[in-house]
């Protein structure tokens, strides 16, 4: 356990939440000051950053993001999305997680009667909510972990996510971005904050930890035509969710050539080779018992 993890474990949740809010207010104050002084990041600047990060024409890229950590942008989320579209071109496909949930999945599913693919907002950041509303963007029909996509392969990525009992199977966008040798960007966030692709391991093997709650839930999913479907889904066991140490895996992925550190705007960013990322997870799990719950092995 790192010193940071030890301190966090000893700190009351209300104090951790207060500190997160304090940092967010501080960032927003700085952004407002830059807006007034004209210190904005342009689309041209982000295009250069994305290209330096290794994004190319034709790429499929899954993007996790924190808008405020990038810096003050000329047109807010639009600046980021337009830059991404420019860099991957009409041949590329952009994906973003657009989960309607920002609490433990178990709490969410017990208090949510339905998921509406058109009207349930994304709770994974301002960039993702802007993106999912754009013309031509399609969103997968999974009630807990939907993904929105735009580009020539968008339908392939999202079409089979519907009616999957768990969100990270081989039919999910998270797995398919690895299958298609795509990239994953963590802009201003880390695996601790947005490590969704780590869960693809859990659905790909007979996983040794009971990471899903025993109960199978039913929830209504409303599709693009307004038709209501009753689907079954499993959700994460919060007891195990609290045991995750996702960022402790970063050095392993870096050592194995699956992850690099770059800057996008002012945001510290992780660039991930999605296929290599998945393969490293499988190899380390099978050989050494390494997971986000046991980053030093079992």
C-alpha atoms as a PDB file:
ATOM      1  CA  UNK A   1       0.000   0.000   0.000  1.00  0.00           C
ATOM      2  CA  UNK A   2       1.377   3.412  -0.962  1.00  0.00           C
ATOM      3  CA  UNK A   3       1.498   6.286   1.514  1.00  0.00           C
ATOM      4  CA  UNK A   4      -1.229   8.013  -0.516  1.00  0.00           C
ATOM      5  CA  UNK A   5      -3.488   4.932  -0.254  1.00  0.00           C
ATOM      6  CA  UNK A   6      -2.770   4.633   3.478  1.00  0.00           C
ATOM      7  CA  UNK A   7      -3.685   8.262   4.149  1.00  0.00           C
ATOM      8  CA  UNK A   8      -6.818   7.968   2.010  1.00  0.00           C
ATOM      9  CA  UNK A   9      -7.902   4.859   3.905  1.00  0.00           C
ATOM     10  CA  UNK A  10      -7.613   6.664   7.232  1.00  0.00           C
ATOM     11  CA  UNK A  11      -9.369   9.828   6.055  1.00  0.00           C
ATOM     12  CA  UNK A  12     -13.163  10.051   6.598  1.00  0.00           C
ATOM     13  CA  UNK A  13     -15.188  10.037   3.372  1.00  0.00           C
ATOM     14  CA  UNK A  14     -16.738  13.430   4.105  1.00  0.00           C
ATOM     15  CA  UNK A  15     -13.249  14.961   4.360  1.00  0.00           C
ATOM     16  CA  UNK A  16     -12.163  13.322   1.097  1.00  0.00           C
ATOM     17  CA  UNK A  17     -15.269  14.694  -0.611  1.00  0.00           C
ATOM     18  CA  UNK A  18     -14.609  18.176   0.836  1.00  0.00           C
ATOM     19  CA  UNK A  19     -11.054  18.077  -0.504  1.00  0.00           C
ATOM     20  CA  UNK A  20     -12.237  17.035  -3.981  1.00  0.00           C
ATOM     21  CA  UNK A  21     -14.711  19.922  -4.036  1.00  0.00           C
ATOM     22  CA  UNK A  22     -12.029  22.336  -2.817  1.00  0.00           C
ATOM     23  CA  UNK A  23      -9.699  21.323  -5.650  1.00  0.00           C
ATOM     24  CA  UNK A  24     -12.494  21.628  -8.212  1.00  0.00           C
ATOM     25  CA  UNK A  25     -13.380  25.147  -7.023  1.00  0.00           C
ATOM     26  CA  UNK A  26      -9.707  26.112  -7.220  1.00  0.00           C
ATOM     27  CA  UNK A  27      -9.444  24.796 -10.808  1.00  0.00           C
ATOM     28  CA  UNK A  28     -12.656  26.529 -11.882  1.00  0.00           C
ATOM     29  CA  UNK A  29     -11.470  29.825 -10.382  1.00  0.00           C
ATOM     30  CA  UNK A  30      -8.226  29.574 -12.339  1.00  0.00           C
ATOM     31  CA  UNK A  31     -10.139  28.762 -15.533  1.00  0.00           C
ATOM     32  CA  UNK A  32     -12.409  31.785 -15.070  1.00  0.00           C
ATOM     33  CA  UNK A  33      -9.372  34.015 -14.628  1.00  0.00           C
ATOM     34  CA  UNK A  34      -7.826  32.698 -17.840  1.00  0.00           C
ATOM     35  CA  UNK A  35     -11.072  33.213 -19.736  1.00  0.00           C
ATOM     36  CA  UNK A  36     -11.081  36.882 -18.725  1.00  0.00           C
ATOM     37  CA  UNK A  37      -7.464  37.377 -19.782  1.00  0.00           C
ATOM     38  CA  UNK A  38      -7.836  35.537 -23.087  1.00  0.00           C
ATOM     39  CA  UNK A  39      -5.502  32.681 -22.117  1.00  0.00           C
ATOM     40  CA  UNK A  40      -7.480  29.997 -23.960  1.00  0.00           C
ATOM     41  CA  UNK A  41      -6.282  26.758 -25.544  1.00  0.00           C
ATOM     42  CA  UNK A  42      -7.164  26.574 -29.230  1.00  0.00           C
ATOM     43  CA  UNK A  43      -8.247  23.652 -31.361  1.00  0.00           C
ATOM     44  CA  UNK A  44      -4.956  23.957 -33.277  1.00  0.00           C
ATOM     45  CA  UNK A  45      -3.012  23.497 -30.049  1.00  0.00           C
ATOM     46  CA  UNK A  46      -5.012  20.391 -29.090  1.00  0.00           C
ATOM     47  CA  UNK A  47      -4.604  18.923 -32.575  1.00  0.00           C
ATOM     48  CA  UNK A  48      -0.824  19.138 -32.152  1.00  0.00           C
ATOM     49  CA  UNK A  49      -1.051  17.559 -28.703  1.00  0.00           C
ATOM     50  CA  UNK A  50      -3.182  14.662 -29.950  1.00  0.00           C
ATOM     51  CA  UNK A  51      -0.792  14.073 -32.846  1.00  0.00           C
ATOM     52  CA  UNK A  52       2.197  14.098 -30.482  1.00  0.00           C
ATOM     53  CA  UNK A  53       0.310  11.551 -28.368  1.00  0.00           C
ATOM     54  CA  UNK A  54       0.315   9.221 -31.375  1.00  0.00           C
ATOM     55  CA  UNK A  55      -3.241   9.587 -32.678  1.00  0.00           C
ATOM     56  CA  UNK A  56      -3.490   9.115 -36.449  1.00  0.00           C
ATOM     57  CA  UNK A  57      -5.977   9.171 -39.284  1.00  0.00           C
ATOM     58  CA  UNK A  58      -8.168   6.064 -39.076  1.00  0.00           C
ATOM     59  CA  UNK A  59      -7.635   5.364 -35.376  1.00  0.00           C
ATOM     60  CA  UNK A  60     -10.355   4.055 -33.106  1.00  0.00           C
ATOM     61  CA  UNK A  61      -9.942   5.837 -29.775  1.00  0.00           C
ATOM     62  CA  UNK A  62     -11.848   5.533 -26.502  1.00  0.00           C
ATOM     63  CA  UNK A  63     -11.594   8.813 -24.580  1.00  0.00           C
ATOM     64  CA  UNK A  64     -11.958   9.319 -20.824  1.00  0.00           C
ATOM     65  CA  UNK A  65     -11.618  12.951 -19.813  1.00  0.00           C
ATOM     66  CA  UNK A  66     -11.790  15.772 -17.279  1.00  0.00           C
ATOM     67  CA  UNK A  67     -12.637  19.070 -18.965  1.00  0.00           C
ATOM     68  CA  UNK A  68     -11.363  21.323 -16.175  1.00  0.00           C
ATOM     69  CA  UNK A  69      -7.927  19.712 -16.082  1.00  0.00           C
ATOM     70  CA  UNK A  70      -7.236  20.445 -19.754  1.00  0.00           C
ATOM     71  CA  UNK A  71      -7.261  24.206 -19.176  1.00  0.00           C
ATOM     72  CA  UNK A  72      -9.516  26.951 -20.470  1.00  0.00           C
ATOM     73  CA  UNK A  73     -10.651  26.021 -23.978  1.00  0.00           C
ATOM     74  CA  UNK A  74     -11.847  28.409 -26.672  1.00  0.00           C
ATOM     75  CA  UNK A  75     -15.153  26.591 -27.093  1.00  0.00           C
ATOM     76  CA  UNK A  76     -15.270  24.269 -24.109  1.00  0.00           C
ATOM     77  CA  UNK A  77     -16.004  20.588 -24.894  1.00  0.00           C
ATOM     78  CA  UNK A  78     -16.452  21.429 -28.585  1.00  0.00           C
ATOM     79  CA  UNK A  79     -12.755  22.294 -28.834  1.00  0.00           C
ATOM     80  CA  UNK A  80     -11.762  18.818 -27.619  1.00  0.00           C
ATOM     81  CA  UNK A  81     -14.211  16.919 -29.804  1.00  0.00           C
ATOM     82  CA  UNK A  82     -13.422  18.948 -32.934  1.00  0.00           C
ATOM     83  CA  UNK A  83      -9.696  18.382 -32.394  1.00  0.00           C
ATOM     84  CA  UNK A  84     -10.231  14.632 -32.038  1.00  0.00           C
ATOM     85  CA  UNK A  85     -12.377  14.519 -35.168  1.00  0.00           C
ATOM     86  CA  UNK A  86      -9.698  16.375 -37.100  1.00  0.00           C
ATOM     87  CA  UNK A  87      -6.899  14.064 -35.960  1.00  0.00           C
ATOM     88  CA  UNK A  88      -8.616  10.704 -36.631  1.00  0.00           C
ATOM     89  CA  UNK A  89     -10.370  11.975 -39.784  1.00  0.00           C
ATOM     90  CA  UNK A  90     -13.456  10.559 -41.430  1.00  0.00           C
ATOM     91  CA  UNK A  91     -11.829   7.113 -41.393  1.00  0.00           C
ATOM     92  CA  UNK A  92     -11.490   7.088 -37.600  1.00  0.00           C
ATOM     93  CA  UNK A  93     -13.963   6.338 -34.829  1.00  0.00           C
ATOM     94  CA  UNK A  94     -14.241   8.150 -31.504  1.00  0.00           C
ATOM     95  CA  UNK A  95     -15.785   6.464 -28.466  1.00  0.00           C
ATOM     96  CA  UNK A  96     -16.634   7.901 -25.061  1.00  0.00           C
ATOM     97  CA  UNK A  97     -18.109   6.249 -21.953  1.00  0.00           C
ATOM     98  CA  UNK A  98     -21.486   7.871 -21.256  1.00  0.00           C
ATOM     99  CA  UNK A  99     -22.618   6.094 -18.107  1.00  0.00           C
ATOM    100  CA  UNK A 100     -25.693   7.646 -16.457  1.00  0.00           C
ATOM    101  CA  UNK A 101     -24.228   6.617 -13.113  1.00  0.00           C
ATOM    102  CA  UNK A 102     -21.615   8.281 -10.899  1.00  0.00           C
ATOM    103  CA  UNK A 103     -22.152   6.213  -7.752  1.00  0.00           C
ATOM    104  CA  UNK A 104     -21.673   2.520  -6.982  1.00  0.00           C
ATOM    105  CA  UNK A 105     -23.523   0.437  -9.562  1.00  0.00           C
ATOM    106  CA  UNK A 106     -25.515  -1.296  -6.816  1.00  0.00           C
ATOM    107  CA  UNK A 107     -26.819   2.020  -5.477  1.00  0.00           C
ATOM    108  CA  UNK A 108     -27.614   3.199  -9.000  1.00  0.00           C
ATOM    109  CA  UNK A 109     -29.534   0.099 -10.070  1.00  0.00           C
ATOM    110  CA  UNK A 110     -31.632   0.045  -6.881  1.00  0.00           C
ATOM    111  CA  UNK A 111     -32.749   3.637  -7.427  1.00  0.00           C
ATOM    112  CA  UNK A 112     -33.137   3.776 -11.214  1.00  0.00           C
ATOM    113  CA  UNK A 113     -36.301   2.407 -12.879  1.00  0.00           C
ATOM    114  CA  UNK A 114     -35.056   2.758 -16.453  1.00  0.00           C
ATOM    115  CA  UNK A 115     -32.250   3.795 -18.792  1.00  0.00           C
ATOM    116  CA  UNK A 116     -33.266   5.967 -21.757  1.00  0.00           C
ATOM    117  CA  UNK A 117     -30.620   5.904 -24.485  1.00  0.00           C
ATOM    118  CA  UNK A 118     -31.695   9.342 -25.759  1.00  0.00           C
ATOM    119  CA  UNK A 119     -32.524  11.201 -22.559  1.00  0.00           C
ATOM    120  CA  UNK A 120     -30.459   9.703 -19.726  1.00  0.00           C
ATOM    121  CA  UNK A 121     -27.522  12.110 -19.401  1.00  0.00           C
ATOM    122  CA  UNK A 122     -23.920  11.033 -19.172  1.00  0.00           C
ATOM    123  CA  UNK A 123     -22.401  11.411 -15.719  1.00  0.00           C
ATOM    124  CA  UNK A 124     -18.835  10.874 -16.921  1.00  0.00           C
ATOM    125  CA  UNK A 125     -17.982  14.496 -17.611  1.00  0.00           C
ATOM    126  CA  UNK A 126     -18.969  17.514 -19.680  1.00  0.00           C
ATOM    127  CA  UNK A 127     -17.084  16.394 -22.784  1.00  0.00           C
ATOM    128  CA  UNK A 128     -18.928  13.067 -22.909  1.00  0.00           C
ATOM    129  CA  UNK A 129     -22.338  14.724 -22.450  1.00  0.00           C
ATOM    130  CA  UNK A 130     -21.596  17.165 -25.290  1.00  0.00           C
ATOM    131  CA  UNK A 131     -20.354  14.325 -27.495  1.00  0.00           C
ATOM    132  CA  UNK A 132     -23.324  11.977 -26.994  1.00  0.00           C
ATOM    133  CA  UNK A 133     -25.751  14.692 -28.183  1.00  0.00           C
ATOM    134  CA  UNK A 134     -23.992  15.346 -31.490  1.00  0.00           C
ATOM    135  CA  UNK A 135     -25.735  14.363 -34.743  1.00  0.00           C
ATOM    136  CA  UNK A 136     -24.586  10.947 -35.937  1.00  0.00           C
ATOM    137  CA  UNK A 137     -23.370   9.749 -32.549  1.00  0.00           C
ATOM    138  CA  UNK A 138     -24.814   6.381 -31.471  1.00  0.00           C
ATOM    139  CA  UNK A 139     -24.998   5.099 -27.911  1.00  0.00           C
ATOM    140  CA  UNK A 140     -24.971   1.499 -26.764  1.00  0.00           C
ATOM    141  CA  UNK A 141     -28.046   0.115 -25.038  1.00  0.00           C
ATOM    142  CA  UNK A 142     -26.448  -1.055 -21.815  1.00  0.00           C
ATOM    143  CA  UNK A 143     -28.126   0.355 -18.690  1.00  0.00           C
ATOM    144  CA  UNK A 144     -25.042   0.747 -16.463  1.00  0.00           C
ATOM    145  CA  UNK A 145     -22.085   1.329 -18.808  1.00  0.00           C
ATOM    146  CA  UNK A 146     -23.281   2.674 -22.191  1.00  0.00           C
ATOM    147  CA  UNK A 147     -20.703   3.976 -24.651  1.00  0.00           C
ATOM    148  CA  UNK A 148     -21.280   6.571 -27.359  1.00  0.00           C
ATOM    149  CA  UNK A 149     -19.450   6.410 -30.677  1.00  0.00           C
ATOM    150  CA  UNK A 150     -19.032   8.334 -33.919  1.00  0.00           C
ATOM    151  CA  UNK A 151     -17.362   7.210 -37.123  1.00  0.00           C
ATOM    152  CA  UNK A 152     -17.482   4.410 -39.691  1.00  0.00           C
ATOM    153  CA  UNK A 153     -17.117   1.669 -37.037  1.00  0.00           C
ATOM    154  CA  UNK A 154     -19.470   3.230 -34.482  1.00  0.00           C
ATOM    155  CA  UNK A 155     -22.271   0.735 -35.043  1.00  0.00           C
ATOM    156  CA  UNK A 156     -19.882  -2.213 -34.779  1.00  0.00           C
ATOM    157  CA  UNK A 157     -18.635  -1.013 -31.416  1.00  0.00           C
ATOM    158  CA  UNK A 158     -22.045  -0.422 -29.810  1.00  0.00           C
ATOM    159  CA  UNK A 159     -24.592  -2.693 -31.523  1.00  0.00           C
ATOM    160  CA  UNK A 160     -24.124  -5.875 -29.436  1.00  0.00           C
ATOM    161  CA  UNK A 161     -23.829  -4.256 -26.013  1.00  0.00           C
ATOM    162  CA  UNK A 162     -27.588  -4.592 -25.581  1.00  0.00           C
ATOM    163  CA  UNK A 163     -28.812  -7.398 -23.306  1.00  0.00           C
ATOM    164  CA  UNK A 164     -25.353  -8.394 -22.091  1.00  0.00           C
ATOM    165  CA  UNK A 165     -25.573  -9.596 -18.485  1.00  0.00           C
ATOM    166  CA  UNK A 166     -22.343  -7.797 -17.608  1.00  0.00           C
ATOM    167  CA  UNK A 167     -21.017  -4.635 -19.299  1.00  0.00           C
ATOM    168  CA  UNK A 168     -17.484  -5.697 -20.242  1.00  0.00           C
ATOM    169  CA  UNK A 169     -17.918  -8.893 -22.297  1.00  0.00           C
ATOM    170  CA  UNK A 170     -16.365  -9.633 -25.688  1.00  0.00           C
ATOM    171  CA  UNK A 171     -19.419  -7.930 -27.254  1.00  0.00           C
ATOM    172  CA  UNK A 172     -18.808  -4.686 -25.377  1.00  0.00           C
ATOM    173  CA  UNK A 173     -17.211  -1.530 -26.808  1.00  0.00           C
ATOM    174  CA  UNK A 174     -14.551  -1.788 -24.098  1.00  0.00           C
ATOM    175  CA  UNK A 175     -13.398  -5.192 -25.339  1.00  0.00           C
ATOM    176  CA  UNK A 176     -13.819  -4.375 -29.020  1.00  0.00           C
ATOM    177  CA  UNK A 177     -11.533  -1.356 -28.863  1.00  0.00           C
ATOM    178  CA  UNK A 178      -8.814  -3.812 -27.800  1.00  0.00           C
ATOM    179  CA  UNK A 179      -9.826  -6.319 -30.456  1.00  0.00           C
ATOM    180  CA  UNK A 180      -9.567  -3.614 -33.132  1.00  0.00           C
ATOM    181  CA  UNK A 181      -6.119  -2.453 -31.935  1.00  0.00           C
ATOM    182  CA  UNK A 182      -7.490   0.903 -30.900  1.00  0.00           C
ATOM    183  CA  UNK A 183      -6.209   3.404 -28.375  1.00  0.00           C
ATOM    184  CA  UNK A 184      -7.508   4.633 -25.011  1.00  0.00           C
ATOM    185  CA  UNK A 185      -6.895   8.158 -23.742  1.00  0.00           C
ATOM    186  CA  UNK A 186      -7.151   9.167 -20.093  1.00  0.00           C
ATOM    187  CA  UNK A 187      -7.109  12.971 -20.318  1.00  0.00           C
ATOM    188  CA  UNK A 188      -6.700  14.463 -16.858  1.00  0.00           C
ATOM    189  CA  UNK A 189      -7.895  11.227 -15.233  1.00  0.00           C
ATOM    190  CA  UNK A 190      -6.169   8.020 -14.204  1.00  0.00           C
ATOM    191  CA  UNK A 191      -7.069   4.351 -13.941  1.00  0.00           C
ATOM    192  CA  UNK A 192      -8.319   4.945 -10.404  1.00  0.00           C
ATOM    193  CA  UNK A 193     -10.871   7.394 -11.799  1.00  0.00           C
ATOM    194  CA  UNK A 194     -11.737   5.749 -15.109  1.00  0.00           C
ATOM    195  CA  UNK A 195     -10.280   2.252 -15.307  1.00  0.00           C
ATOM    196  CA  UNK A 196     -13.272   0.716 -17.054  1.00  0.00           C
ATOM    197  CA  UNK A 197     -11.201  -1.384 -19.443  1.00  0.00           C
ATOM    198  CA  UNK A 198      -9.606  -3.169 -16.512  1.00  0.00           C
ATOM    199  CA  UNK A 199     -12.945  -4.935 -16.052  1.00  0.00           C
ATOM    200  CA  UNK A 200     -12.650  -6.691 -19.427  1.00  0.00           C
ATOM    201  CA  UNK A 201     -10.289  -9.139 -17.732  1.00  0.00           C
ATOM    202  CA  UNK A 202     -12.972 -10.055 -15.196  1.00  0.00           C
ATOM    203  CA  UNK A 203     -15.436 -10.974 -17.944  1.00  0.00           C
ATOM    204  CA  UNK A 204     -12.851 -12.783 -20.086  1.00  0.00           C
ATOM    205  CA  UNK A 205     -11.760 -15.387 -17.518  1.00  0.00           C
ATOM    206  CA  UNK A 206     -13.117 -17.378 -14.599  1.00  0.00           C
ATOM    207  CA  UNK A 207     -12.150 -14.516 -12.301  1.00  0.00           C
ATOM    208  CA  UNK A 208     -11.015 -15.496  -8.814  1.00  0.00           C
ATOM    209  CA  UNK A 209     -12.762 -12.689  -6.915  1.00  0.00           C
ATOM    210  CA  UNK A 210     -16.542 -12.206  -6.525  1.00  0.00           C
ATOM    211  CA  UNK A 211     -16.509  -8.735  -8.076  1.00  0.00           C
ATOM    212  CA  UNK A 212     -20.190  -8.911  -9.041  1.00  0.00           C
ATOM    213  CA  UNK A 213     -23.020  -8.820  -6.520  1.00  0.00           C
ATOM    214  CA  UNK A 214     -24.983 -12.079  -6.321  1.00  0.00           C
ATOM    215  CA  UNK A 215     -28.336 -10.529  -7.261  1.00  0.00           C
ATOM    216  CA  UNK A 216     -29.310 -10.168 -10.933  1.00  0.00           C
ATOM    217  CA  UNK A 217     -31.360  -7.030 -11.529  1.00  0.00           C
ATOM    218  CA  UNK A 218     -34.043  -6.203 -14.067  1.00  0.00           C
ATOM    219  CA  UNK A 219     -34.262  -2.705 -15.516  1.00  0.00           C
ATOM    220  CA  UNK A 220     -36.122  -1.125 -18.422  1.00  0.00           C
ATOM    221  CA  UNK A 221     -34.059   0.096 -21.368  1.00  0.00           C
ATOM    222  CA  UNK A 222     -35.729   2.565 -23.734  1.00  0.00           C
ATOM    223  CA  UNK A 223     -34.252   2.444 -27.240  1.00  0.00           C
ATOM    224  CA  UNK A 224     -34.005   5.100 -29.963  1.00  0.00           C
ATOM    225  CA  UNK A 225     -37.543   4.329 -31.177  1.00  0.00           C
ATOM    226  CA  UNK A 226     -38.941   4.804 -27.670  1.00  0.00           C
ATOM    227  CA  UNK A 227     -39.566   1.077 -27.265  1.00  0.00           C
ATOM    228  CA  UNK A 228     -39.111  -0.256 -23.727  1.00  0.00           C
ATOM    229  CA  UNK A 229     -37.166  -3.483 -23.202  1.00  0.00           C
ATOM    230  CA  UNK A 230     -36.769  -5.273 -19.874  1.00  0.00           C
ATOM    231  CA  UNK A 231     -33.190  -6.507 -19.523  1.00  0.00           C
ATOM    232  CA  UNK A 232     -31.189  -8.281 -16.848  1.00  0.00           C
ATOM    233  CA  UNK A 233     -27.868  -7.034 -15.593  1.00  0.00           C
ATOM    234  CA  UNK A 234     -25.319  -7.758 -12.909  1.00  0.00           C
ATOM    235  CA  UNK A 235     -23.585  -4.967 -11.003  1.00  0.00           C
ATOM    236  CA  UNK A 236     -20.335  -4.664  -9.130  1.00  0.00           C
ATOM    237  CA  UNK A 237     -20.098  -5.740  -5.524  1.00  0.00           C
ATOM    238  CA  UNK A 238     -19.222  -2.509  -3.648  1.00  0.00           C
ATOM    239  CA  UNK A 239     -17.214  -4.490  -1.096  1.00  0.00           C
ATOM    240  CA  UNK A 240     -14.741  -5.321  -3.859  1.00  0.00           C
ATOM    241  CA  UNK A 241     -15.064  -1.949  -5.581  1.00  0.00           C
ATOM    242  CA  UNK A 242     -13.563  -0.392  -2.444  1.00  0.00           C
ATOM    243  CA  UNK A 243     -10.539  -2.708  -2.734  1.00  0.00           C
ATOM    244  CA  UNK A 244      -9.436  -1.506  -6.168  1.00  0.00           C
ATOM    245  CA  UNK A 245      -5.909  -0.148  -6.556  1.00  0.00           C
ATOM    246  CA  UNK A 246      -6.003   0.593 -10.261  1.00  0.00           C
ATOM    247  CA  UNK A 247      -3.194   3.153 -10.414  1.00  0.00           C
ATOM    248  CA  UNK A 248      -0.823   0.649  -8.825  1.00  0.00           C
ATOM    249  CA  UNK A 249      -0.925  -1.186 -12.178  1.00  0.00           C
ATOM    250  CA  UNK A 250       0.341   1.801 -14.184  1.00  0.00           C
ATOM    251  CA  UNK A 251       4.064   0.919 -13.784  1.00  0.00           C
ATOM    252  CA  UNK A 252       3.406  -2.607 -15.092  1.00  0.00           C
ATOM    253  CA  UNK A 253       1.570  -1.354 -18.181  1.00  0.00           C
ATOM    254  CA  UNK A 254       4.293   1.223 -18.757  1.00  0.00           C
ATOM    255  CA  UNK A 255       7.082  -1.347 -18.431  1.00  0.00           C
ATOM    256  CA  UNK A 256       5.313  -3.683 -20.874  1.00  0.00           C
ATOM    257  CA  UNK A 257       4.857  -0.961 -23.498  1.00  0.00           C
ATOM    258  CA  UNK A 258       1.074  -0.664 -23.147  1.00  0.00           C
ATOM    259  CA  UNK A 259       0.947   2.836 -21.650  1.00  0.00           C
ATOM    260  CA  UNK A 260       2.685   6.210 -22.065  1.00  0.00           C
ATOM    261  CA  UNK A 261       2.446   9.571 -20.303  1.00  0.00           C
ATOM    262  CA  UNK A 262       1.819  12.736 -22.364  1.00  0.00           C
ATOM    263  CA  UNK A 263       0.199  16.142 -21.964  1.00  0.00           C
ATOM    264  CA  UNK A 264      -3.053  17.207 -23.651  1.00  0.00           C
ATOM    265  CA  UNK A 265      -3.418  20.920 -23.033  1.00  0.00           C
ATOM    266  CA  UNK A 266      -2.521  21.208 -19.355  1.00  0.00           C
ATOM    267  CA  UNK A 267      -3.806  17.739 -18.484  1.00  0.00           C
ATOM    268  CA  UNK A 268      -1.563  14.853 -17.557  1.00  0.00           C
ATOM    269  CA  UNK A 269      -2.708  12.125 -19.913  1.00  0.00           C
ATOM    270  CA  UNK A 270      -2.267   8.372 -20.270  1.00  0.00           C
ATOM    271  CA  UNK A 271      -2.122   6.953 -23.806  1.00  0.00           C
ATOM    272  CA  UNK A 272      -2.913   3.239 -23.914  1.00  0.00           C
ATOM    273  CA  UNK A 273      -2.425   0.653 -26.638  1.00  0.00           C
ATOM    274  CA  UNK A 274      -5.744  -1.114 -26.017  1.00  0.00           C
ATOM    275  CA  UNK A 275      -4.774  -4.539 -27.370  1.00  0.00           C
ATOM    276  CA  UNK A 276      -1.461  -4.594 -25.543  1.00  0.00           C
ATOM    277  CA  UNK A 277      -3.227  -3.398 -22.376  1.00  0.00           C
ATOM    278  CA  UNK A 278      -5.625  -6.351 -22.496  1.00  0.00           C
ATOM    279  CA  UNK A 279      -2.872  -8.844 -23.288  1.00  0.00           C
ATOM    280  CA  UNK A 280      -0.729  -7.607 -20.395  1.00  0.00           C
ATOM    281  CA  UNK A 281      -3.690  -7.966 -18.033  1.00  0.00           C
ATOM    282  CA  UNK A 282      -4.240 -11.552 -19.175  1.00  0.00           C
ATOM    283  CA  UNK A 283      -0.556 -12.498 -18.975  1.00  0.00           C
ATOM    284  CA  UNK A 284      -0.009 -10.970 -15.541  1.00  0.00           C
ATOM    285  CA  UNK A 285      -3.201 -12.497 -14.156  1.00  0.00           C
ATOM    286  CA  UNK A 286      -2.437 -15.980 -15.427  1.00  0.00           C
ATOM    287  CA  UNK A 287       1.270 -15.962 -14.486  1.00  0.00           C
ATOM    288  CA  UNK A 288       1.377 -13.840 -11.356  1.00  0.00           C
ATOM    289  CA  UNK A 289      -2.190 -13.352 -10.115  1.00  0.00           C
ATOM    290  CA  UNK A 290      -1.945  -9.607 -10.690  1.00  0.00           C
ATOM    291  CA  UNK A 291      -5.248  -7.683 -10.730  1.00  0.00           C
ATOM    292  CA  UNK A 292      -6.448  -4.249  -9.666  1.00  0.00           C
ATOM    293  CA  UNK A 293      -7.299  -5.906  -6.314  1.00  0.00           C
ATOM    294  CA  UNK A 294      -3.911  -7.598  -6.025  1.00  0.00           C
ATOM    295  CA  UNK A 295      -1.458  -5.340  -7.908  1.00  0.00           C
ATOM    296  CA  UNK A 296       1.532  -7.154  -6.384  1.00  0.00           C
ATOM    297  CA  UNK A 297       0.173 -10.571  -7.266  1.00  0.00           C
ATOM    298  CA  UNK A 298      -1.349 -13.307  -5.185  1.00  0.00           C
END
